[in-house]
């Protein structure tokens, strides 16, 4: 169980990175962004995305710290993560790769959005639809298996 505690501590450390990114983007948007930049659709999406990213990371940090402080929760979480049924469901739904490609598409959309709003809209829409389809497939397998 000591190894799993180290895994949880590593997760907490890694989750501070999105929080720092969200805070730095917030500081940039308040103090350094020009008025023309603030009026663009891209800027609004970036601000909203960074806020959601930061809040989600904070929620996950709080959950992980609660798990770390309670031995029973730690054991339950360990058993849940190492459940063979859930591992099979995630693999059949393509979750690890699906999430990585969707995040990559969103990042590519944000970068491409500076050049073309149509490309931004297409990439972000495709990424959202891709994640929704993956979530639906995961729910189907959860009921089936």
C-alpha atoms as a PDB file:
ATOM      1  CA  UNK A   1       0.000   0.000   0.000  1.00  0.00           C
ATOM      2  CA  UNK A   2       3.008   2.256   0.499  1.00  0.00           C
ATOM      3  CA  UNK A   3       3.721   2.122  -3.250  1.00  0.00           C
ATOM      4  CA  UNK A   4       0.178   3.231  -3.992  1.00  0.00           C
ATOM      5  CA  UNK A   5       0.563   6.129  -1.551  1.00  0.00           C
ATOM      6  CA  UNK A   6       3.552   7.273  -3.596  1.00  0.00           C
ATOM      7  CA  UNK A   7       1.451   7.005  -6.768  1.00  0.00           C
ATOM      8  CA  UNK A   8      -1.223   9.235  -5.209  1.00  0.00           C
ATOM      9  CA  UNK A   9       1.407  11.743  -4.057  1.00  0.00           C
ATOM     10  CA  UNK A  10       2.835  11.838  -7.588  1.00  0.00           C
ATOM     11  CA  UNK A  11      -0.655  12.496  -8.980  1.00  0.00           C
ATOM     12  CA  UNK A  12      -1.121  15.380  -6.574  1.00  0.00           C
ATOM     13  CA  UNK A  13       2.212  16.848  -7.672  1.00  0.00           C
ATOM     14  CA  UNK A  14       1.351  16.477 -11.369  1.00  0.00           C
ATOM     15  CA  UNK A  15      -2.095  18.002 -10.840  1.00  0.00           C
ATOM     16  CA  UNK A  16      -0.504  21.208  -9.615  1.00  0.00           C
ATOM     17  CA  UNK A  17       0.797  21.850 -13.156  1.00  0.00           C
ATOM     18  CA  UNK A  18      -2.678  22.574 -14.655  1.00  0.00           C
ATOM     19  CA  UNK A  19      -3.481  24.758 -11.652  1.00  0.00           C
ATOM     20  CA  UNK A  20      -0.316  26.800 -12.210  1.00  0.00           C
ATOM     21  CA  UNK A  21      -1.079  27.066 -15.933  1.00  0.00           C
ATOM     22  CA  UNK A  22      -4.621  28.267 -15.215  1.00  0.00           C
ATOM     23  CA  UNK A  23      -3.409  30.830 -12.692  1.00  0.00           C
ATOM     24  CA  UNK A  24      -0.704  32.134 -15.023  1.00  0.00           C
ATOM     25  CA  UNK A  25      -3.167  32.430 -17.919  1.00  0.00           C
ATOM     26  CA  UNK A  26      -5.575  34.237 -15.613  1.00  0.00           C
ATOM     27  CA  UNK A  27      -2.893  36.701 -14.582  1.00  0.00           C
ATOM     28  CA  UNK A  28      -1.943  37.217 -18.221  1.00  0.00           C
ATOM     29  CA  UNK A  29      -5.545  37.813 -19.268  1.00  0.00           C
ATOM     30  CA  UNK A  30      -6.154  40.383 -16.532  1.00  0.00           C
ATOM     31  CA  UNK A  31      -2.932  42.357 -16.662  1.00  0.00           C
ATOM     32  CA  UNK A  32      -1.192  41.838 -19.999  1.00  0.00           C
ATOM     33  CA  UNK A  33      -3.720  40.970 -22.730  1.00  0.00           C
ATOM     34  CA  UNK A  34      -4.674  43.783 -25.084  1.00  0.00           C
ATOM     35  CA  UNK A  35      -8.276  44.852 -25.595  1.00  0.00           C
ATOM     36  CA  UNK A  36      -8.292  43.517 -29.169  1.00  0.00           C
ATOM     37  CA  UNK A  37      -7.142  40.135 -27.917  1.00  0.00           C
ATOM     38  CA  UNK A  38      -9.802  40.060 -25.216  1.00  0.00           C
ATOM     39  CA  UNK A  39     -12.550  40.545 -27.805  1.00  0.00           C
ATOM     40  CA  UNK A  40     -11.610  37.497 -29.906  1.00  0.00           C
ATOM     41  CA  UNK A  41     -13.437  34.181 -29.727  1.00  0.00           C
ATOM     42  CA  UNK A  42     -10.167  32.376 -29.191  1.00  0.00           C
ATOM     43  CA  UNK A  43      -9.375  34.350 -26.082  1.00  0.00           C
ATOM     44  CA  UNK A  44     -12.771  33.578 -24.593  1.00  0.00           C
ATOM     45  CA  UNK A  45     -12.344  29.876 -25.299  1.00  0.00           C
ATOM     46  CA  UNK A  46      -8.836  29.859 -23.840  1.00  0.00           C
ATOM     47  CA  UNK A  47      -9.959  31.634 -20.682  1.00  0.00           C
ATOM     48  CA  UNK A  48     -12.909  29.324 -20.207  1.00  0.00           C
ATOM     49  CA  UNK A  49     -10.841  26.236 -20.942  1.00  0.00           C
ATOM     50  CA  UNK A  50      -8.096  27.275 -18.521  1.00  0.00           C
ATOM     51  CA  UNK A  51     -10.639  28.020 -15.767  1.00  0.00           C
ATOM     52  CA  UNK A  52     -12.277  24.616 -16.219  1.00  0.00           C
ATOM     53  CA  UNK A  53      -8.858  22.946 -16.315  1.00  0.00           C
ATOM     54  CA  UNK A  54      -7.752  24.679 -13.111  1.00  0.00           C
ATOM     55  CA  UNK A  55     -10.967  23.992 -11.195  1.00  0.00           C
ATOM     56  CA  UNK A  56     -10.991  20.341 -12.305  1.00  0.00           C
ATOM     57  CA  UNK A  57      -7.390  19.922 -11.184  1.00  0.00           C
ATOM     58  CA  UNK A  58      -8.178  21.482  -7.792  1.00  0.00           C
ATOM     59  CA  UNK A  59     -11.146  19.134  -7.336  1.00  0.00           C
ATOM     60  CA  UNK A  60      -8.964  16.133  -8.192  1.00  0.00           C
ATOM     61  CA  UNK A  61      -6.250  17.319  -5.794  1.00  0.00           C
ATOM     62  CA  UNK A  62      -8.780  17.603  -2.970  1.00  0.00           C
ATOM     63  CA  UNK A  63     -10.110  14.107  -3.734  1.00  0.00           C
ATOM     64  CA  UNK A  64      -6.628  12.616  -3.869  1.00  0.00           C
ATOM     65  CA  UNK A  65      -5.650  14.250  -0.568  1.00  0.00           C
ATOM     66  CA  UNK A  66      -8.816  12.892   1.055  1.00  0.00           C
ATOM     67  CA  UNK A  67      -7.932   9.429  -0.236  1.00  0.00           C
ATOM     68  CA  UNK A  68      -4.370   9.800   0.996  1.00  0.00           C
ATOM     69  CA  UNK A  69      -5.493  10.718   4.514  1.00  0.00           C
ATOM     70  CA  UNK A  70      -7.948   7.822   4.944  1.00  0.00           C
ATOM     71  CA  UNK A  71      -6.555   4.294   4.860  1.00  0.00           C
ATOM     72  CA  UNK A  72      -9.944   2.728   4.023  1.00  0.00           C
ATOM     73  CA  UNK A  73     -10.512   5.107   1.078  1.00  0.00           C
ATOM     74  CA  UNK A  74      -6.979   4.423  -0.093  1.00  0.00           C
ATOM     75  CA  UNK A  75      -7.620   0.697  -0.135  1.00  0.00           C
ATOM     76  CA  UNK A  76     -10.959   1.109  -1.936  1.00  0.00           C
ATOM     77  CA  UNK A  77      -9.392   3.359  -4.560  1.00  0.00           C
ATOM     78  CA  UNK A  78      -6.544   0.906  -5.086  1.00  0.00           C
ATOM     79  CA  UNK A  79      -9.003  -1.952  -5.591  1.00  0.00           C
ATOM     80  CA  UNK A  80     -11.091   0.156  -7.972  1.00  0.00           C
ATOM     81  CA  UNK A  81      -8.093   1.095 -10.104  1.00  0.00           C
ATOM     82  CA  UNK A  82      -6.849  -2.484 -10.295  1.00  0.00           C
ATOM     83  CA  UNK A  83     -10.237  -4.024 -11.081  1.00  0.00           C
ATOM     84  CA  UNK A  84      -9.850  -6.252 -14.135  1.00  0.00           C
ATOM     85  CA  UNK A  85     -13.403  -5.618 -15.318  1.00  0.00           C
ATOM     86  CA  UNK A  86     -12.929  -1.841 -15.383  1.00  0.00           C
ATOM     87  CA  UNK A  87      -9.561  -2.190 -17.091  1.00  0.00           C
ATOM     88  CA  UNK A  88     -11.192  -4.271 -19.822  1.00  0.00           C
ATOM     89  CA  UNK A  89     -14.013  -1.752 -20.242  1.00  0.00           C
ATOM     90  CA  UNK A  90     -11.576   1.153 -20.532  1.00  0.00           C
ATOM     91  CA  UNK A  91      -9.493  -0.764 -23.061  1.00  0.00           C
ATOM     92  CA  UNK A  92     -12.521  -1.710 -25.191  1.00  0.00           C
ATOM     93  CA  UNK A  93     -13.775   1.870 -25.151  1.00  0.00           C
ATOM     94  CA  UNK A  94     -10.288   3.070 -26.155  1.00  0.00           C
ATOM     95  CA  UNK A  95     -10.145   5.482 -23.251  1.00  0.00           C
ATOM     96  CA  UNK A  96      -6.430   6.224 -22.802  1.00  0.00           C
ATOM     97  CA  UNK A  97      -5.719   6.892 -26.474  1.00  0.00           C
ATOM     98  CA  UNK A  98      -9.081   8.555 -27.087  1.00  0.00           C
ATOM     99  CA  UNK A  99      -8.465  11.079 -24.326  1.00  0.00           C
ATOM    100  CA  UNK A 100      -4.928  11.834 -25.517  1.00  0.00           C
ATOM    101  CA  UNK A 101      -6.002  12.389 -29.122  1.00  0.00           C
ATOM    102  CA  UNK A 102      -8.937  14.569 -28.044  1.00  0.00           C
ATOM    103  CA  UNK A 103      -6.720  16.801 -25.926  1.00  0.00           C
ATOM    104  CA  UNK A 104      -4.244  16.979 -28.812  1.00  0.00           C
ATOM    105  CA  UNK A 105      -7.040  18.027 -31.165  1.00  0.00           C
ATOM    106  CA  UNK A 106      -8.161  20.762 -28.752  1.00  0.00           C
ATOM    107  CA  UNK A 107      -4.616  22.089 -28.404  1.00  0.00           C
ATOM    108  CA  UNK A 108      -4.159  21.967 -32.194  1.00  0.00           C
ATOM    109  CA  UNK A 109      -7.494  23.748 -32.592  1.00  0.00           C
ATOM    110  CA  UNK A 110      -6.466  26.517 -30.239  1.00  0.00           C
ATOM    111  CA  UNK A 111      -3.195  27.021 -32.094  1.00  0.00           C
ATOM    112  CA  UNK A 112      -4.899  26.852 -35.509  1.00  0.00           C
ATOM    113  CA  UNK A 113      -7.592  29.230 -34.294  1.00  0.00           C
ATOM    114  CA  UNK A 114      -5.185  32.123 -34.554  1.00  0.00           C
ATOM    115  CA  UNK A 115      -5.090  31.530 -38.302  1.00  0.00           C
ATOM    116  CA  UNK A 116      -8.579  30.226 -39.112  1.00  0.00           C
ATOM    117  CA  UNK A 117     -11.740  30.233 -37.017  1.00  0.00           C
ATOM    118  CA  UNK A 118     -13.223  27.437 -39.182  1.00  0.00           C
ATOM    119  CA  UNK A 119     -10.322  25.086 -38.426  1.00  0.00           C
ATOM    120  CA  UNK A 120     -10.602  25.911 -34.711  1.00  0.00           C
ATOM    121  CA  UNK A 121     -14.325  25.160 -34.695  1.00  0.00           C
ATOM    122  CA  UNK A 122     -13.895  21.922 -36.642  1.00  0.00           C
ATOM    123  CA  UNK A 123     -11.099  20.551 -34.446  1.00  0.00           C
ATOM    124  CA  UNK A 124     -12.713  21.436 -31.139  1.00  0.00           C
ATOM    125  CA  UNK A 125     -16.106  20.101 -32.284  1.00  0.00           C
ATOM    126  CA  UNK A 126     -14.520  16.857 -33.492  1.00  0.00           C
ATOM    127  CA  UNK A 127     -12.680  16.443 -30.186  1.00  0.00           C
ATOM    128  CA  UNK A 128     -15.845  16.997 -28.147  1.00  0.00           C
ATOM    129  CA  UNK A 129     -17.842  14.565 -30.301  1.00  0.00           C
ATOM    130  CA  UNK A 130     -15.020  12.031 -30.053  1.00  0.00           C
ATOM    131  CA  UNK A 131     -15.023  12.250 -26.241  1.00  0.00           C
ATOM    132  CA  UNK A 132     -18.827  11.968 -26.114  1.00  0.00           C
ATOM    133  CA  UNK A 133     -18.779   8.858 -28.293  1.00  0.00           C
ATOM    134  CA  UNK A 134     -16.083   7.337 -26.077  1.00  0.00           C
ATOM    135  CA  UNK A 135     -18.141   8.075 -22.957  1.00  0.00           C
ATOM    136  CA  UNK A 136     -21.239   6.507 -24.536  1.00  0.00           C
ATOM    137  CA  UNK A 137     -19.295   3.397 -25.548  1.00  0.00           C
ATOM    138  CA  UNK A 138     -17.866   3.147 -22.036  1.00  0.00           C
ATOM    139  CA  UNK A 139     -21.368   3.330 -20.534  1.00  0.00           C
ATOM    140  CA  UNK A 140     -22.599   0.639 -22.934  1.00  0.00           C
ATOM    141  CA  UNK A 141     -19.770  -1.684 -21.909  1.00  0.00           C
ATOM    142  CA  UNK A 142     -20.354  -0.886 -18.216  1.00  0.00           C
ATOM    143  CA  UNK A 143     -23.895  -2.228 -18.540  1.00  0.00           C
ATOM    144  CA  UNK A 144     -22.952  -5.092 -20.833  1.00  0.00           C
ATOM    145  CA  UNK A 145     -19.913  -6.607 -19.111  1.00  0.00           C
END
